[in-house]
Amino acid sequence: MDSNLPHHSSSDTILAQELARRLTSDAKNAGIRSEEISEEVGSIFSTMLEALGNRDPVPD
């Protein structure tokens, strides 16, 4: 997941939706149902949005 996130904090809901879509697609390809992920983390979208907001800035 880390390689798909920007190097700065963000509250970009469009990016969070895209990351959630990618995660769901990748999980499906690996034989993991989205319901299984939701049981573990709750809302996939909320988890992606939280991950985007918790980025440490990369020093220049």
PDB file of N, CA and C in Angstrom:
ATOM      1  N   MET A   1       0.823  -1.179   0.000  1.00  0.00           N
ATOM      2  CA  MET A   1       0.000   0.000   0.000  1.00  0.00           C
ATOM      3  C   MET A   1       0.871   1.247   0.000  1.00  0.00           C
ATOM      4  N   ASP A   2       1.966   1.217   0.716  1.00  0.00           N
ATOM      5  CA  ASP A   2       2.799   2.406   0.864  1.00  0.00           C
ATOM      6  C   ASP A   2       3.255   2.970  -0.480  1.00  0.00           C
ATOM      7  N   SER A   3       3.555   2.106  -1.427  1.00  0.00           N
ATOM      8  CA  SER A   3       4.037   2.593  -2.726  1.00  0.00           C
ATOM      9  C   SER A   3       2.941   3.284  -3.533  1.00  0.00           C
ATOM     10  N   ASN A   4       1.681   3.127  -3.137  1.00  0.00           N
ATOM     11  CA  ASN A   4       0.567   3.767  -3.839  1.00  0.00           C
ATOM     12  C   ASN A   4       0.124   5.075  -3.204  1.00  0.00           C
ATOM     13  N   LEU A   5       0.740   5.447  -2.091  1.00  0.00           N
ATOM     14  CA  LEU A   5       0.347   6.669  -1.388  1.00  0.00           C
ATOM     15  C   LEU A   5       1.307   7.802  -1.717  1.00  0.00           C
ATOM     16  N   PRO A   6       0.813   9.025  -1.751  1.00  0.00           N
ATOM     17  CA  PRO A   6       1.720  10.162  -1.953  1.00  0.00           C
ATOM     18  C   PRO A   6       2.634  10.313  -0.742  1.00  0.00           C
ATOM     19  N   HIS A   7       3.717  11.033  -0.915  1.00  0.00           N
ATOM     20  CA  HIS A   7       4.693  11.209   0.160  1.00  0.00           C
ATOM     21  C   HIS A   7       4.303  12.307   1.142  1.00  0.00           C
ATOM     22  N   HIS A   8       3.112  12.820   1.036  1.00  0.00           N
ATOM     23  CA  HIS A   8       2.640  13.877   1.927  1.00  0.00           C
ATOM     24  C   HIS A   8       1.224  13.546   2.391  1.00  0.00           C
ATOM     25  N   SER A   9       0.819  14.132   3.500  1.00  0.00           N
ATOM     26  CA  SER A   9      -0.546  13.931   3.988  1.00  0.00           C
ATOM     27  C   SER A   9      -1.537  14.533   3.000  1.00  0.00           C
ATOM     28  N   SER A  10      -2.697  13.918   2.928  1.00  0.00           N
ATOM     29  CA  SER A  10      -3.712  14.381   1.990  1.00  0.00           C
ATOM     30  C   SER A  10      -5.085  14.000   2.511  1.00  0.00           C
ATOM     31  N   SER A  11      -6.078  14.765   2.127  1.00  0.00           N
ATOM     32  CA  SER A  11      -7.464  14.404   2.426  1.00  0.00           C
ATOM     33  C   SER A  11      -8.229  14.258   1.110  1.00  0.00           C
ATOM     34  N   ASP A  12      -7.532  13.814   0.089  1.00  0.00           N
ATOM     35  CA  ASP A  12      -8.078  13.675  -1.260  1.00  0.00           C
ATOM     36  C   ASP A  12      -9.045  12.486  -1.313  1.00  0.00           C
ATOM     37  N   THR A  13     -10.343  12.780  -1.311  1.00  0.00           N
ATOM     38  CA  THR A  13     -11.342  11.713  -1.292  1.00  0.00           C
ATOM     39  C   THR A  13     -11.373  10.929  -2.607  1.00  0.00           C
ATOM     40  N   ILE A  14     -11.043  11.582  -3.710  1.00  0.00           N
ATOM     41  CA  ILE A  14     -11.005  10.881  -4.999  1.00  0.00           C
ATOM     42  C   ILE A  14      -9.889   9.837  -4.980  1.00  0.00           C
ATOM     43  N   LEU A  15      -8.722  10.212  -4.462  1.00  0.00           N
ATOM     44  CA  LEU A  15      -7.611   9.270  -4.359  1.00  0.00           C
ATOM     45  C   LEU A  15      -7.961   8.135  -3.400  1.00  0.00           C
ATOM     46  N   ALA A  16      -8.600   8.452  -2.289  1.00  0.00           N
ATOM     47  CA  ALA A  16      -9.005   7.414  -1.332  1.00  0.00           C
ATOM     48  C   ALA A  16      -9.967   6.430  -1.993  1.00  0.00           C
ATOM     49  N   GLN A  17     -10.901   6.927  -2.797  1.00  0.00           N
ATOM     50  CA  GLN A  17     -11.829   6.043  -3.516  1.00  0.00           C
ATOM     51  C   GLN A  17     -11.083   5.149  -4.496  1.00  0.00           C
ATOM     52  N   GLU A  18     -10.126   5.723  -5.210  1.00  0.00           N
ATOM     53  CA  GLU A  18      -9.348   4.952  -6.181  1.00  0.00           C
ATOM     54  C   GLU A  18      -8.516   3.881  -5.473  1.00  0.00           C
ATOM     55  N   LEU A  19      -7.896   4.233  -4.354  1.00  0.00           N
ATOM     56  CA  LEU A  19      -7.116   3.250  -3.603  1.00  0.00           C
ATOM     57  C   LEU A  19      -8.004   2.128  -3.076  1.00  0.00           C
ATOM     58  N   ALA A  20      -9.188   2.474  -2.602  1.00  0.00           N
ATOM     59  CA  ALA A  20     -10.134   1.462  -2.120  1.00  0.00           C
ATOM     60  C   ALA A  20     -10.558   0.552  -3.271  1.00  0.00           C
ATOM     61  N   ARG A  21     -10.774   1.131  -4.447  1.00  0.00           N
ATOM     62  CA  ARG A  21     -11.143   0.338  -5.618  1.00  0.00           C
ATOM     63  C   ARG A  21     -10.018  -0.620  -5.996  1.00  0.00           C
ATOM     64  N   ARG A  22      -8.776  -0.109  -6.009  1.00  0.00           N
ATOM     65  CA  ARG A  22      -7.620  -0.950  -6.337  1.00  0.00           C
ATOM     66  C   ARG A  22      -7.460  -2.079  -5.327  1.00  0.00           C
ATOM     67  N   LEU A  23      -7.587  -1.747  -4.048  1.00  0.00           N
ATOM     68  CA  LEU A  23      -7.450  -2.751  -3.005  1.00  0.00           C
ATOM     69  C   LEU A  23      -8.497  -3.842  -3.178  1.00  0.00           C
ATOM     70  N   THR A  24      -9.736  -3.447  -3.432  1.00  0.00           N
ATOM     71  CA  THR A  24     -10.815  -4.410  -3.616  1.00  0.00           C
ATOM     72  C   THR A  24     -10.548  -5.293  -4.832  1.00  0.00           C
ATOM     73  N   SER A  25     -10.089  -4.689  -5.915  1.00  0.00           N
ATOM     74  CA  SER A  25      -9.782  -5.441  -7.131  1.00  0.00           C
ATOM     75  C   SER A  25      -8.625  -6.411  -6.906  1.00  0.00           C
ATOM     76  N   ASP A  26      -7.554  -5.936  -6.287  1.00  0.00           N
ATOM     77  CA  ASP A  26      -6.400  -6.797  -6.008  1.00  0.00           C
ATOM     78  C   ASP A  26      -6.776  -7.941  -5.074  1.00  0.00           C
ATOM     79  N   ALA A  27      -7.589  -7.635  -4.072  1.00  0.00           N
ATOM     80  CA  ALA A  27      -8.030  -8.670  -3.135  1.00  0.00           C
ATOM     81  C   ALA A  27      -8.868  -9.718  -3.863  1.00  0.00           C
ATOM     82  N   LYS A  28      -9.767  -9.266  -4.722  1.00  0.00           N
ATOM     83  CA  LYS A  28     -10.611 -10.195  -5.484  1.00  0.00           C
ATOM     84  C   LYS A  28      -9.744 -11.111  -6.338  1.00  0.00           C
ATOM     85  N   ASN A  29      -8.728 -10.539  -6.988  1.00  0.00           N
ATOM     86  CA  ASN A  29      -7.812 -11.335  -7.808  1.00  0.00           C
ATOM     87  C   ASN A  29      -7.042 -12.357  -6.981  1.00  0.00           C
ATOM     88  N   ALA A  30      -6.836 -12.055  -5.700  1.00  0.00           N
ATOM     89  CA  ALA A  30      -6.128 -12.966  -4.794  1.00  0.00           C
ATOM     90  C   ALA A  30      -7.082 -13.926  -4.084  1.00  0.00           C
ATOM     91  N   GLY A  31      -8.376 -13.843  -4.416  1.00  0.00           N
ATOM     92  CA  GLY A  31      -9.351 -14.735  -3.812  1.00  0.00           C
ATOM     93  C   GLY A  31      -9.870 -14.279  -2.460  1.00  0.00           C
ATOM     94  N   ILE A  32      -9.685 -13.000  -2.151  1.00  0.00           N
ATOM     95  CA  ILE A  32     -10.152 -12.444  -0.878  1.00  0.00           C
ATOM     96  C   ILE A  32     -11.394 -11.607  -1.148  1.00  0.00           C
ATOM     97  N   ARG A  33     -12.468 -11.915  -0.464  1.00  0.00           N
ATOM     98  CA  ARG A  33     -13.713 -11.163  -0.635  1.00  0.00           C
ATOM     99  C   ARG A  33     -13.619  -9.826   0.103  1.00  0.00           C
ATOM    100  N   SER A  34     -14.265  -8.800  -0.448  1.00  0.00           N
ATOM    101  CA  SER A  34     -14.250  -7.480   0.193  1.00  0.00           C
ATOM    102  C   SER A  34     -14.897  -7.539   1.574  1.00  0.00           C
ATOM    103  N   GLU A  35     -15.847  -8.459   1.771  1.00  0.00           N
ATOM    104  CA  GLU A  35     -16.480  -8.611   3.084  1.00  0.00           C
ATOM    105  C   GLU A  35     -15.461  -9.038   4.142  1.00  0.00           C
ATOM    106  N   GLU A  36     -14.492  -9.862   3.738  1.00  0.00           N
ATOM    107  CA  GLU A  36     -13.450 -10.286   4.673  1.00  0.00           C
ATOM    108  C   GLU A  36     -12.604  -9.089   5.113  1.00  0.00           C
ATOM    109  N   ILE A  37     -12.294  -8.218   4.167  1.00  0.00           N
ATOM    110  CA  ILE A  37     -11.505  -7.027   4.494  1.00  0.00           C
ATOM    111  C   ILE A  37     -12.314  -6.119   5.408  1.00  0.00           C
ATOM    112  N   SER A  38     -13.577  -5.912   5.069  1.00  0.00           N
ATOM    113  CA  SER A  38     -14.444  -5.050   5.879  1.00  0.00           C
ATOM    114  C   SER A  38     -14.588  -5.566   7.302  1.00  0.00           C
ATOM    115  N   GLU A  39     -14.606  -6.889   7.474  1.00  0.00           N
ATOM    116  CA  GLU A  39     -14.671  -7.461   8.820  1.00  0.00           C
ATOM    117  C   GLU A  39     -13.440  -7.082   9.636  1.00  0.00           C
ATOM    118  N   GLU A  40     -12.294  -6.972   8.970  1.00  0.00           N
ATOM    119  CA  GLU A  40     -11.040  -6.652   9.656  1.00  0.00           C
ATOM    120  C   GLU A  40     -10.865  -5.157   9.912  1.00  0.00           C
ATOM    121  N   VAL A  41     -11.185  -4.332   8.919  1.00  0.00           N
ATOM    122  CA  VAL A  41     -10.868  -2.903   9.021  1.00  0.00           C
ATOM    123  C   VAL A  41     -12.082  -1.987   9.004  1.00  0.00           C
ATOM    124  N   GLY A  42     -13.274  -2.528   8.795  1.00  0.00           N
ATOM    125  CA  GLY A  42     -14.456  -1.670   8.657  1.00  0.00           C
ATOM    126  C   GLY A  42     -14.522  -1.134   7.244  1.00  0.00           C
ATOM    127  N   SER A  43     -14.707   0.142   7.100  1.00  0.00           N
ATOM    128  CA  SER A  43     -14.822   0.769   5.787  1.00  0.00           C
ATOM    129  C   SER A  43     -13.456   0.846   5.103  1.00  0.00           C
ATOM    130  N   ILE A  44     -13.367   0.254   3.916  1.00  0.00           N
ATOM    131  CA  ILE A  44     -12.116   0.312   3.156  1.00  0.00           C
ATOM    132  C   ILE A  44     -11.812   1.756   2.778  1.00  0.00           C
ATOM    133  N   PHE A  45     -12.838   2.502   2.364  1.00  0.00           N
ATOM    134  CA  PHE A  45     -12.660   3.911   2.009  1.00  0.00           C
ATOM    135  C   PHE A  45     -12.113   4.702   3.197  1.00  0.00           C
ATOM    136  N   SER A  46     -12.707   4.533   4.376  1.00  0.00           N
ATOM    137  CA  SER A  46     -12.252   5.262   5.570  1.00  0.00           C
ATOM    138  C   SER A  46     -10.820   4.901   5.927  1.00  0.00           C
ATOM    139  N   THR A  47     -10.470   3.631   5.756  1.00  0.00           N
ATOM    140  CA  THR A  47      -9.105   3.189   6.042  1.00  0.00           C
ATOM    141  C   THR A  47      -8.117   3.856   5.092  1.00  0.00           C
ATOM    142  N   MET A  48      -8.469   3.947   3.811  1.00  0.00           N
ATOM    143  CA  MET A  48      -7.593   4.597   2.834  1.00  0.00           C
ATOM    144  C   MET A  48      -7.467   6.089   3.134  1.00  0.00           C
ATOM    145  N   LEU A  49      -8.576   6.730   3.488  1.00  0.00           N
ATOM    146  CA  LEU A  49      -8.553   8.153   3.810  1.00  0.00           C
ATOM    147  C   LEU A  49      -7.690   8.404   5.047  1.00  0.00           C
ATOM    148  N   GLU A  50      -7.796   7.530   6.037  1.00  0.00           N
ATOM    149  CA  GLU A  50      -6.966   7.653   7.242  1.00  0.00           C
ATOM    150  C   GLU A  50      -5.491   7.465   6.899  1.00  0.00           C
ATOM    151  N   ALA A  51      -5.185   6.486   6.055  1.00  0.00           N
ATOM    152  CA  ALA A  51      -3.794   6.258   5.650  1.00  0.00           C
ATOM    153  C   ALA A  51      -3.235   7.479   4.923  1.00  0.00           C
ATOM    154  N   LEU A  52      -4.040   8.102   4.077  1.00  0.00           N
ATOM    155  CA  LEU A  52      -3.599   9.307   3.366  1.00  0.00           C
ATOM    156  C   LEU A  52      -3.317  10.453   4.328  1.00  0.00           C
ATOM    157  N   GLY A  53      -4.099  10.552   5.381  1.00  0.00           N
ATOM    158  CA  GLY A  53      -3.944  11.649   6.334  1.00  0.00           C
ATOM    159  C   GLY A  53      -2.829  11.452   7.335  1.00  0.00           C
ATOM    160  N   ASN A  54      -2.285  10.235   7.412  1.00  0.00           N
ATOM    161  CA  ASN A  54      -1.254   9.929   8.404  1.00  0.00           C
ATOM    162  C   ASN A  54       0.127   9.775   7.798  1.00  0.00           C
ATOM    163  N   ARG A  55       0.384  10.444   6.712  1.00  0.00           N
ATOM    164  CA  ARG A  55       1.699  10.359   6.068  1.00  0.00           C
ATOM    165  C   ARG A  55       2.668  11.324   6.732  1.00  0.00           C
ATOM    166  N   ASP A  56       3.881  10.853   6.959  1.00  0.00           N
ATOM    167  CA  ASP A  56       4.942  11.723   7.452  1.00  0.00           C
ATOM    168  C   ASP A  56       5.562  12.428   6.255  1.00  0.00           C
ATOM    169  N   PRO A  57       5.814  13.722   6.391  1.00  0.00           N
ATOM    170  CA  PRO A  57       6.432  14.425   5.264  1.00  0.00           C
ATOM    171  C   PRO A  57       7.827  13.878   4.975  1.00  0.00           C
ATOM    172  N   VAL A  58       8.158  13.811   3.701  1.00  0.00           N
ATOM    173  CA  VAL A  58       9.484  13.370   3.282  1.00  0.00           C
ATOM    174  C   VAL A  58      10.393  14.590   3.272  1.00  0.00           C
ATOM    175  N   PRO A  59      11.540  14.513   3.974  1.00  0.00           N
ATOM    176  CA  PRO A  59      12.451  15.673   3.977  1.00  0.00           C
ATOM    177  C   PRO A  59      13.003  15.944   2.579  1.00  0.00           C
ATOM    178  N   ASP A  60      13.200  17.216   2.276  1.00  0.00           N
ATOM    179  CA  ASP A  60      13.758  17.601   0.968  1.00  0.00           C
ATOM    180  C   ASP A  60      15.227  17.314   0.898  1.00  0.00           C
TER     181      ASP A  60
END
